[in-house]
Amino acid sequence: MSRRALMRFCSAVFVPTVMAVAVYAATPQEAQKARHEHYEDLGDAFKAVRDNSRGDNPDWAALEKSAQTVVDASVDQQKWFAKGTGPEAGKTRALPEIWSKPDDFTAAQKMLSERAPKLLAAVKAKDLPGVQAAFKEVGGACKNCHENFRSPKKTTSPPPDRE
């Protein structure tokens, strides 16, 4: 075997193996933290699309960057919800239904992954009404998943006034 062929073989076999080990080496808590940060980035990008599509003169470059982030985040979301990274692993708003109803969760994720590219296409076409319509569609996909697979944010309310 030539040196070049050996290098190709090693790259094809060992690099994916090392990458797989690196992914699985993370603790469930580290995976939860990475998932949280991923969805924070997605939320920030989504808010940037919302804010930038409200006026008459949007910053199309900023819109495109944010819409691309939304599209990128919509792909292969299952990787963020590995078995063992739910409530049993620590504090998370991810509900157990993600793992107990995987077909429903996959359908909810598919809704986002199908709608997000339409947002990016409208941005690239510089079609502001199209961006606004696609934004609502993507928002509906987000809402669907949040209502079914994410627990509400817990707020601490002040103690009642006693008079």
N, C-alpha and C. Protein backbone atom coordinates (compact mmCIF):
# COMPACT_ATOMS: atom_id res chain seq x y z
N MET A 1 0.86 -1.17 0.00
CA MET A 1 0.00 0.00 0.00
C MET A 1 0.90 1.23 0.00
N SER A 2 0.60 2.15 -0.91
CA SER A 2 1.41 3.37 -0.98
C SER A 2 1.13 4.25 0.23
N ARG A 3 2.04 5.16 0.48
CA ARG A 3 1.88 6.07 1.61
C ARG A 3 0.60 6.90 1.47
N ARG A 4 0.32 7.34 0.26
CA ARG A 4 -0.88 8.14 0.02
C ARG A 4 -2.15 7.32 0.30
N ALA A 5 -2.18 6.09 -0.16
CA ALA A 5 -3.33 5.23 0.08
C ALA A 5 -3.49 4.95 1.58
N LEU A 6 -2.37 4.76 2.27
CA LEU A 6 -2.41 4.52 3.71
C LEU A 6 -2.98 5.75 4.43
N MET A 7 -2.58 6.93 4.01
CA MET A 7 -3.08 8.17 4.63
C MET A 7 -4.59 8.31 4.40
N ARG A 8 -5.04 7.98 3.20
CA ARG A 8 -6.49 8.05 2.92
C ARG A 8 -7.24 7.05 3.81
N PHE A 9 -6.69 5.86 3.92
CA PHE A 9 -7.33 4.84 4.74
C PHE A 9 -7.41 5.31 6.19
N CYS A 10 -6.32 5.81 6.71
CA CYS A 10 -6.28 6.27 8.10
C CYS A 10 -7.27 7.42 8.31
N SER A 11 -7.32 8.34 7.35
CA SER A 11 -8.26 9.45 7.45
C SER A 11 -9.69 8.96 7.44
N ALA A 12 -9.97 8.00 6.59
CA ALA A 12 -11.33 7.49 6.45
C ALA A 12 -11.78 6.69 7.66
N VAL A 13 -10.85 6.00 8.32
CA VAL A 13 -11.21 5.13 9.42
C VAL A 13 -11.03 5.81 10.78
N PHE A 14 -9.88 6.39 10.99
CA PHE A 14 -9.55 6.88 12.33
C PHE A 14 -10.14 8.24 12.67
N VAL A 15 -10.21 9.15 11.73
CA VAL A 15 -10.75 10.48 12.03
C VAL A 15 -12.21 10.38 12.48
N PRO A 16 -13.09 9.68 11.75
CA PRO A 16 -14.47 9.56 12.25
C PRO A 16 -14.56 8.87 13.60
N THR A 17 -13.70 7.90 13.85
CA THR A 17 -13.70 7.21 15.13
C THR A 17 -13.33 8.16 16.26
N VAL A 18 -12.30 8.94 16.05
CA VAL A 18 -11.86 9.92 17.06
C VAL A 18 -12.96 10.95 17.29
N MET A 19 -13.59 11.41 16.22
CA MET A 19 -14.67 12.40 16.36
C MET A 19 -15.84 11.80 17.14
N ALA A 20 -16.19 10.56 16.85
CA ALA A 20 -17.30 9.91 17.55
C ALA A 20 -16.99 9.77 19.02
N VAL A 21 -15.78 9.40 19.35
CA VAL A 21 -15.38 9.27 20.76
C VAL A 21 -15.43 10.63 21.44
N ALA A 22 -15.01 11.67 20.75
CA ALA A 22 -15.04 13.02 21.33
C ALA A 22 -16.47 13.45 21.63
N VAL A 23 -17.41 13.14 20.72
CA VAL A 23 -18.80 13.51 20.93
C VAL A 23 -19.37 12.76 22.13
N TYR A 24 -19.09 11.47 22.22
CA TYR A 24 -19.65 10.67 23.30
C TYR A 24 -18.90 10.85 24.62
N ALA A 25 -17.76 11.50 24.60
CA ALA A 25 -16.99 11.69 25.82
C ALA A 25 -17.60 12.76 26.72
N ALA A 26 -18.43 13.62 26.15
CA ALA A 26 -19.04 14.69 26.94
C ALA A 26 -19.98 14.09 27.98
N THR A 27 -20.01 14.68 29.15
CA THR A 27 -20.95 14.24 30.17
C THR A 27 -22.34 14.72 29.78
N PRO A 28 -23.37 14.11 30.33
CA PRO A 28 -24.73 14.59 30.05
C PRO A 28 -24.91 16.07 30.41
N GLN A 29 -24.27 16.51 31.48
CA GLN A 29 -24.38 17.91 31.87
C GLN A 29 -23.70 18.82 30.85
N GLU A 30 -22.56 18.39 30.32
CA GLU A 30 -21.89 19.17 29.28
C GLU A 30 -22.74 19.22 28.01
N ALA A 31 -23.40 18.11 27.72
CA ALA A 31 -24.29 18.08 26.55
C ALA A 31 -25.47 19.01 26.76
N GLN A 32 -26.02 19.03 27.98
CA GLN A 32 -27.12 19.95 28.27
C GLN A 32 -26.67 21.41 28.10
N LYS A 33 -25.49 21.71 28.59
CA LYS A 33 -24.98 23.08 28.48
C LYS A 33 -24.78 23.46 27.01
N ALA A 34 -24.20 22.56 26.24
CA ALA A 34 -23.99 22.83 24.81
C ALA A 34 -25.32 23.02 24.10
N ARG A 35 -26.31 22.20 24.45
CA ARG A 35 -27.65 22.33 23.86
C ARG A 35 -28.25 23.68 24.22
N HIS A 36 -28.14 24.07 25.47
CA HIS A 36 -28.68 25.36 25.90
C HIS A 36 -28.03 26.50 25.13
N GLU A 37 -26.73 26.47 24.99
CA GLU A 37 -26.01 27.53 24.26
C GLU A 37 -26.42 27.54 22.79
N HIS A 38 -26.59 26.37 22.20
CA HIS A 38 -27.03 26.27 20.80
C HIS A 38 -28.38 26.95 20.62
N TYR A 39 -29.32 26.65 21.50
CA TYR A 39 -30.65 27.23 21.37
C TYR A 39 -30.68 28.70 21.77
N GLU A 40 -29.78 29.14 22.61
CA GLU A 40 -29.65 30.57 22.89
C GLU A 40 -29.21 31.30 21.62
N ASP A 41 -28.23 30.73 20.92
CA ASP A 41 -27.77 31.33 19.65
C ASP A 41 -28.91 31.37 18.62
N LEU A 42 -29.67 30.29 18.55
CA LEU A 42 -30.81 30.25 17.63
C LEU A 42 -31.82 31.33 18.01
N GLY A 43 -32.12 31.45 19.29
CA GLY A 43 -33.06 32.48 19.75
C GLY A 43 -32.58 33.88 19.45
N ASP A 44 -31.29 34.13 19.64
CA ASP A 44 -30.72 35.45 19.33
C ASP A 44 -30.85 35.76 17.84
N ALA A 45 -30.57 34.77 17.00
CA ALA A 45 -30.68 34.97 15.55
C ALA A 45 -32.13 35.22 15.15
N PHE A 46 -33.05 34.47 15.76
CA PHE A 46 -34.46 34.64 15.45
C PHE A 46 -34.95 36.03 15.85
N LYS A 47 -34.52 36.50 17.02
CA LYS A 47 -34.89 37.85 17.46
C LYS A 47 -34.29 38.91 16.54
N ALA A 48 -33.09 38.67 16.05
CA ALA A 48 -32.47 39.62 15.11
C ALA A 48 -33.26 39.69 13.81
N VAL A 49 -33.77 38.56 13.35
CA VAL A 49 -34.62 38.57 12.15
C VAL A 49 -35.88 39.37 12.44
N ARG A 50 -36.50 39.09 13.58
CA ARG A 50 -37.73 39.82 13.96
C ARG A 50 -37.48 41.32 13.98
N ASP A 51 -36.46 41.73 14.71
CA ASP A 51 -36.20 43.16 14.87
C ASP A 51 -35.84 43.83 13.56
N ASN A 52 -35.09 43.13 12.73
CA ASN A 52 -34.59 43.74 11.49
C ASN A 52 -35.63 43.71 10.38
N SER A 53 -36.69 42.94 10.53
CA SER A 53 -37.69 42.87 9.47
C SER A 53 -38.91 43.74 9.77
N ARG A 54 -38.86 44.49 10.83
CA ARG A 54 -39.99 45.33 11.21
C ARG A 54 -40.03 46.66 10.46
N GLY A 55 -38.90 47.20 10.11
CA GLY A 55 -38.86 48.50 9.46
C GLY A 55 -38.98 48.42 7.95
N ASP A 56 -38.92 49.57 7.33
CA ASP A 56 -39.02 49.63 5.86
C ASP A 56 -37.69 49.43 5.17
N ASN A 57 -36.58 49.64 5.89
CA ASN A 57 -35.26 49.53 5.29
C ASN A 57 -34.39 48.55 6.09
N PRO A 58 -34.64 47.26 5.94
CA PRO A 58 -33.86 46.29 6.72
C PRO A 58 -32.40 46.22 6.27
N ASP A 59 -31.58 45.81 7.18
CA ASP A 59 -30.18 45.53 6.88
C ASP A 59 -30.14 44.11 6.33
N TRP A 60 -30.13 43.99 5.02
CA TRP A 60 -30.25 42.68 4.38
C TRP A 60 -29.08 41.77 4.71
N ALA A 61 -27.90 42.33 4.87
CA ALA A 61 -26.74 41.50 5.21
C ALA A 61 -26.90 40.89 6.60
N ALA A 62 -27.35 41.70 7.54
CA ALA A 62 -27.58 41.21 8.90
C ALA A 62 -28.72 40.19 8.92
N LEU A 63 -29.76 40.47 8.14
CA LEU A 63 -30.88 39.53 8.04
C LEU A 63 -30.42 38.19 7.47
N GLU A 64 -29.60 38.25 6.44
CA GLU A 64 -29.14 37.01 5.82
C GLU A 64 -28.28 36.19 6.79
N LYS A 65 -27.42 36.88 7.51
CA LYS A 65 -26.58 36.17 8.50
C LYS A 65 -27.45 35.49 9.56
N SER A 66 -28.44 36.21 10.06
CA SER A 66 -29.31 35.65 11.09
C SER A 66 -30.19 34.53 10.53
N ALA A 67 -30.74 34.72 9.34
CA ALA A 67 -31.57 33.68 8.73
C ALA A 67 -30.74 32.43 8.45
N GLN A 68 -29.50 32.61 8.06
CA GLN A 68 -28.63 31.45 7.83
C GLN A 68 -28.37 30.70 9.14
N THR A 69 -28.22 31.43 10.23
CA THR A 69 -28.04 30.80 11.53
C THR A 69 -29.28 29.97 11.89
N VAL A 70 -30.46 30.51 11.60
CA VAL A 70 -31.70 29.78 11.87
C VAL A 70 -31.74 28.49 11.04
N VAL A 71 -31.39 28.59 9.76
CA VAL A 71 -31.39 27.41 8.89
C VAL A 71 -30.38 26.38 9.41
N ASP A 72 -29.18 26.83 9.70
CA ASP A 72 -28.14 25.90 10.17
C ASP A 72 -28.58 25.20 11.47
N ALA A 73 -29.23 25.95 12.35
CA ALA A 73 -29.66 25.37 13.63
C ALA A 73 -30.83 24.41 13.46
N SER A 74 -31.56 24.55 12.35
CA SER A 74 -32.74 23.71 12.14
C SER A 74 -32.39 22.31 11.64
N VAL A 75 -31.16 22.12 11.23
CA VAL A 75 -30.74 20.85 10.64
C VAL A 75 -30.25 19.89 11.72
N ASP A 76 -30.69 18.65 11.65
CA ASP A 76 -30.21 17.57 12.53
C ASP A 76 -30.28 17.94 14.01
N GLN A 77 -31.43 18.38 14.44
CA GLN A 77 -31.58 18.79 15.84
C GLN A 77 -31.52 17.62 16.83
N GLN A 78 -31.78 16.42 16.34
CA GLN A 78 -31.76 15.25 17.23
C GLN A 78 -30.43 15.13 17.97
N LYS A 79 -29.35 15.59 17.34
CA LYS A 79 -28.04 15.45 17.97
C LYS A 79 -27.96 16.20 19.31
N TRP A 80 -28.83 17.18 19.52
CA TRP A 80 -28.81 17.96 20.76
C TRP A 80 -29.57 17.28 21.89
N PHE A 81 -30.24 16.16 21.57
CA PHE A 81 -31.10 15.51 22.55
C PHE A 81 -30.76 14.04 22.72
N ALA A 82 -29.50 13.77 22.96
CA ALA A 82 -29.05 12.39 23.15
C ALA A 82 -29.72 11.79 24.39
N LYS A 83 -29.92 10.51 24.34
CA LYS A 83 -30.49 9.80 25.48
C LYS A 83 -29.60 10.05 26.70
N GLY A 84 -30.24 10.32 27.82
CA GLY A 84 -29.49 10.56 29.05
C GLY A 84 -29.21 12.02 29.32
N THR A 85 -29.69 12.93 28.44
CA THR A 85 -29.44 14.36 28.63
C THR A 85 -30.71 15.11 29.01
N GLY A 86 -31.70 14.38 29.47
CA GLY A 86 -32.97 14.99 29.87
C GLY A 86 -32.94 15.39 31.34
N PRO A 87 -34.12 15.50 31.94
CA PRO A 87 -34.22 15.93 33.35
C PRO A 87 -33.44 15.04 34.32
N GLU A 88 -33.24 13.78 33.95
CA GLU A 88 -32.49 12.88 34.83
C GLU A 88 -31.02 13.29 34.97
N ALA A 89 -30.54 14.13 34.04
CA ALA A 89 -29.13 14.53 34.05
C ALA A 89 -28.90 15.87 34.74
N GLY A 90 -29.98 16.56 35.09
CA GLY A 90 -29.80 17.86 35.73
C GLY A 90 -30.86 18.84 35.27
N LYS A 91 -30.65 20.08 35.63
CA LYS A 91 -31.61 21.14 35.34
C LYS A 91 -31.72 21.36 33.83
N THR A 92 -32.94 21.22 33.32
CA THR A 92 -33.21 21.46 31.91
C THR A 92 -34.70 21.71 31.75
N ARG A 93 -35.04 22.48 30.75
CA ARG A 93 -36.45 22.70 30.43
C ARG A 93 -36.94 21.68 29.41
N ALA A 94 -36.06 20.83 28.93
CA ALA A 94 -36.45 19.78 27.99
C ALA A 94 -37.32 18.77 28.73
N LEU A 95 -38.52 18.55 28.20
CA LEU A 95 -39.44 17.61 28.85
C LEU A 95 -39.12 16.17 28.49
N PRO A 96 -39.48 15.23 29.36
CA PRO A 96 -39.23 13.81 29.08
C PRO A 96 -39.91 13.32 27.81
N GLU A 97 -40.96 14.01 27.35
CA GLU A 97 -41.67 13.61 26.14
C GLU A 97 -40.76 13.61 24.91
N ILE A 98 -39.68 14.37 24.96
CA ILE A 98 -38.72 14.35 23.85
C ILE A 98 -38.23 12.92 23.61
N TRP A 99 -37.99 12.21 24.68
CA TRP A 99 -37.45 10.85 24.59
C TRP A 99 -38.56 9.79 24.62
N SER A 100 -39.69 10.09 25.25
CA SER A 100 -40.77 9.10 25.33
C SER A 100 -41.67 9.14 24.10
N LYS A 101 -41.65 10.24 23.36
CA LYS A 101 -42.45 10.37 22.13
C LYS A 101 -41.54 10.84 20.98
N PRO A 102 -40.56 10.01 20.63
CA PRO A 102 -39.57 10.46 19.64
C PRO A 102 -40.16 10.77 18.27
N ASP A 103 -41.20 10.08 17.86
CA ASP A 103 -41.79 10.37 16.55
C ASP A 103 -42.44 11.75 16.54
N ASP A 104 -43.12 12.10 17.64
CA ASP A 104 -43.73 13.42 17.73
C ASP A 104 -42.67 14.52 17.75
N PHE A 105 -41.59 14.25 18.48
CA PHE A 105 -40.51 15.24 18.56
C PHE A 105 -39.83 15.40 17.20
N THR A 106 -39.61 14.32 16.51
CA THR A 106 -39.01 14.38 15.18
C THR A 106 -39.90 15.18 14.23
N ALA A 107 -41.21 14.98 14.32
CA ALA A 107 -42.15 15.72 13.47
C ALA A 107 -42.09 17.22 13.77
N ALA A 108 -41.98 17.56 15.05
CA ALA A 108 -41.88 18.98 15.43
C ALA A 108 -40.59 19.59 14.89
N GLN A 109 -39.51 18.85 14.97
CA GLN A 109 -38.24 19.35 14.45
C GLN A 109 -38.28 19.46 12.94
N LYS A 110 -38.95 18.52 12.29
CA LYS A 110 -39.05 18.55 10.83
C LYS A 110 -39.80 19.81 10.37
N MET A 111 -40.80 20.20 11.14
CA MET A 111 -41.55 21.41 10.81
C MET A 111 -40.60 22.61 10.72
N LEU A 112 -39.70 22.73 11.68
CA LEU A 112 -38.74 23.84 11.66
C LEU A 112 -37.77 23.70 10.50
N SER A 113 -37.25 22.50 10.29
CA SER A 113 -36.25 22.32 9.23
C SER A 113 -36.85 22.52 7.84
N GLU A 114 -38.15 22.36 7.70
CA GLU A 114 -38.79 22.61 6.41
C GLU A 114 -39.13 24.09 6.21
N ARG A 115 -39.41 24.80 7.29
CA ARG A 115 -39.82 26.20 7.18
C ARG A 115 -38.64 27.17 7.15
N ALA A 116 -37.58 26.85 7.84
CA ALA A 116 -36.44 27.78 7.95
C ALA A 116 -35.84 28.15 6.59
N PRO A 117 -35.66 27.23 5.66
CA PRO A 117 -35.09 27.62 4.36
C PRO A 117 -35.96 28.63 3.60
N LYS A 118 -37.26 28.62 3.84
CA LYS A 118 -38.14 29.60 3.18
C LYS A 118 -37.84 31.00 3.70
N LEU A 119 -37.49 31.09 4.96
CA LEU A 119 -37.10 32.39 5.53
C LEU A 119 -35.84 32.89 4.86
N LEU A 120 -34.85 32.03 4.74
CA LEU A 120 -33.60 32.43 4.11
C LEU A 120 -33.82 32.80 2.64
N ALA A 121 -34.67 32.06 1.95
CA ALA A 121 -34.94 32.36 0.53
C ALA A 121 -35.59 33.73 0.39
N ALA A 122 -36.52 34.06 1.28
CA ALA A 122 -37.17 35.37 1.22
C ALA A 122 -36.16 36.48 1.51
N VAL A 123 -35.26 36.23 2.45
CA VAL A 123 -34.22 37.23 2.76
C VAL A 123 -33.32 37.43 1.55
N LYS A 124 -32.87 36.34 0.94
CA LYS A 124 -31.98 36.46 -0.22
C LYS A 124 -32.67 37.16 -1.39
N ALA A 125 -33.99 37.01 -1.50
CA ALA A 125 -34.74 37.68 -2.56
C ALA A 125 -35.05 39.13 -2.19
N LYS A 126 -34.70 39.52 -0.98
CA LYS A 126 -34.98 40.86 -0.45
C LYS A 126 -36.47 41.19 -0.56
N ASP A 127 -37.25 40.18 -0.19
CA ASP A 127 -38.70 40.26 -0.22
C ASP A 127 -39.19 40.44 1.21
N LEU A 128 -39.35 41.71 1.64
CA LEU A 128 -39.70 41.99 3.02
C LEU A 128 -41.04 41.37 3.43
N PRO A 129 -42.11 41.48 2.64
CA PRO A 129 -43.35 40.80 3.03
C PRO A 129 -43.15 39.27 3.11
N GLY A 130 -42.34 38.72 2.24
CA GLY A 130 -42.04 37.29 2.28
C GLY A 130 -41.26 36.92 3.53
N VAL A 131 -40.33 37.78 3.93
CA VAL A 131 -39.57 37.55 5.16
C VAL A 131 -40.51 37.56 6.35
N GLN A 132 -41.41 38.53 6.38
CA GLN A 132 -42.33 38.63 7.51
C GLN A 132 -43.26 37.43 7.57
N ALA A 133 -43.74 36.96 6.43
CA ALA A 133 -44.61 35.78 6.40
C ALA A 133 -43.84 34.52 6.81
N ALA A 134 -42.63 34.37 6.29
CA ALA A 134 -41.81 33.20 6.62
C ALA A 134 -41.42 33.23 8.09
N PHE A 135 -41.18 34.41 8.63
CA PHE A 135 -40.85 34.56 10.04
C PHE A 135 -41.99 34.02 10.90
N LYS A 136 -43.22 34.35 10.54
CA LYS A 136 -44.38 33.85 11.29
C LYS A 136 -44.46 32.32 11.21
N GLU A 137 -44.17 31.77 10.03
CA GLU A 137 -44.21 30.32 9.86
C GLU A 137 -43.14 29.64 10.73
N VAL A 138 -41.94 30.19 10.72
CA VAL A 138 -40.86 29.62 11.54
C VAL A 138 -41.22 29.77 13.02
N GLY A 139 -41.75 30.92 13.37
CA GLY A 139 -42.18 31.14 14.75
C GLY A 139 -43.22 30.13 15.19
N GLY A 140 -44.13 29.77 14.28
CA GLY A 140 -45.12 28.75 14.59
C GLY A 140 -44.49 27.40 14.86
N ALA A 141 -43.45 27.08 14.11
CA ALA A 141 -42.73 25.82 14.34
C ALA A 141 -42.04 25.84 15.70
N CYS A 142 -41.44 26.96 16.04
CA CYS A 142 -40.79 27.09 17.35
C CYS A 142 -41.82 26.94 18.47
N LYS A 143 -42.94 27.65 18.32
CA LYS A 143 -43.99 27.61 19.33
C LYS A 143 -44.52 26.19 19.51
N ASN A 144 -44.74 25.48 18.42
CA ASN A 144 -45.23 24.11 18.49
C ASN A 144 -44.30 23.25 19.34
N CYS A 145 -43.02 23.35 19.11
CA CYS A 145 -42.08 22.53 19.86
C CYS A 145 -42.02 22.98 21.33
N HIS A 146 -41.99 24.27 21.55
CA HIS A 146 -41.91 24.77 22.92
C HIS A 146 -43.14 24.37 23.73
N GLU A 147 -44.31 24.42 23.12
CA GLU A 147 -45.53 24.07 23.86
C GLU A 147 -45.60 22.59 24.21
N ASN A 148 -45.00 21.75 23.41
CA ASN A 148 -45.11 20.31 23.62
C ASN A 148 -43.89 19.65 24.25
N PHE A 149 -42.74 20.29 24.15
CA PHE A 149 -41.51 19.61 24.56
C PHE A 149 -40.59 20.45 25.47
N ARG A 150 -41.06 21.60 25.91
CA ARG A 150 -40.24 22.43 26.79
C ARG A 150 -41.11 22.92 27.94
N SER A 151 -40.59 22.80 29.13
CA SER A 151 -41.34 23.26 30.29
C SER A 151 -41.31 24.78 30.34
N PRO A 152 -42.35 25.37 30.92
CA PRO A 152 -42.36 26.84 31.02
C PRO A 152 -41.24 27.32 31.92
N LYS A 153 -40.82 28.54 31.66
CA LYS A 153 -39.79 29.16 32.48
C LYS A 153 -40.37 29.39 33.86
N LYS A 154 -39.63 29.00 34.85
CA LYS A 154 -40.09 29.21 36.22
C LYS A 154 -39.72 30.62 36.65
N THR A 155 -40.70 31.31 37.12
CA THR A 155 -40.45 32.66 37.63
C THR A 155 -40.73 32.65 39.11
N THR A 156 -39.97 33.43 39.79
CA THR A 156 -40.22 33.57 41.22
C THR A 156 -41.05 34.81 41.40
N SER A 157 -42.18 34.63 41.98
CA SER A 157 -43.04 35.78 42.20
C SER A 157 -42.82 36.29 43.62
N PRO A 158 -42.95 37.59 43.75
CA PRO A 158 -42.75 38.15 45.09
C PRO A 158 -43.86 37.67 46.03
N PRO A 159 -43.57 37.63 47.28
CA PRO A 159 -44.60 37.19 48.23
C PRO A 159 -45.78 38.18 48.20
N PRO A 160 -46.98 37.67 48.44
CA PRO A 160 -48.13 38.57 48.40
C PRO A 160 -48.04 39.61 49.51
N ASP A 161 -48.57 40.78 49.19
CA ASP A 161 -48.61 41.85 50.20
C ASP A 161 -49.59 41.47 51.29
N ARG A 162 -49.19 41.71 52.48
CA ARG A 162 -50.09 41.45 53.61
C ARG A 162 -50.36 42.77 54.29
N GLU A 163 -51.59 43.11 54.27
CA GLU A 163 -51.95 44.37 54.90
C GLU A 163 -52.83 44.15 56.09
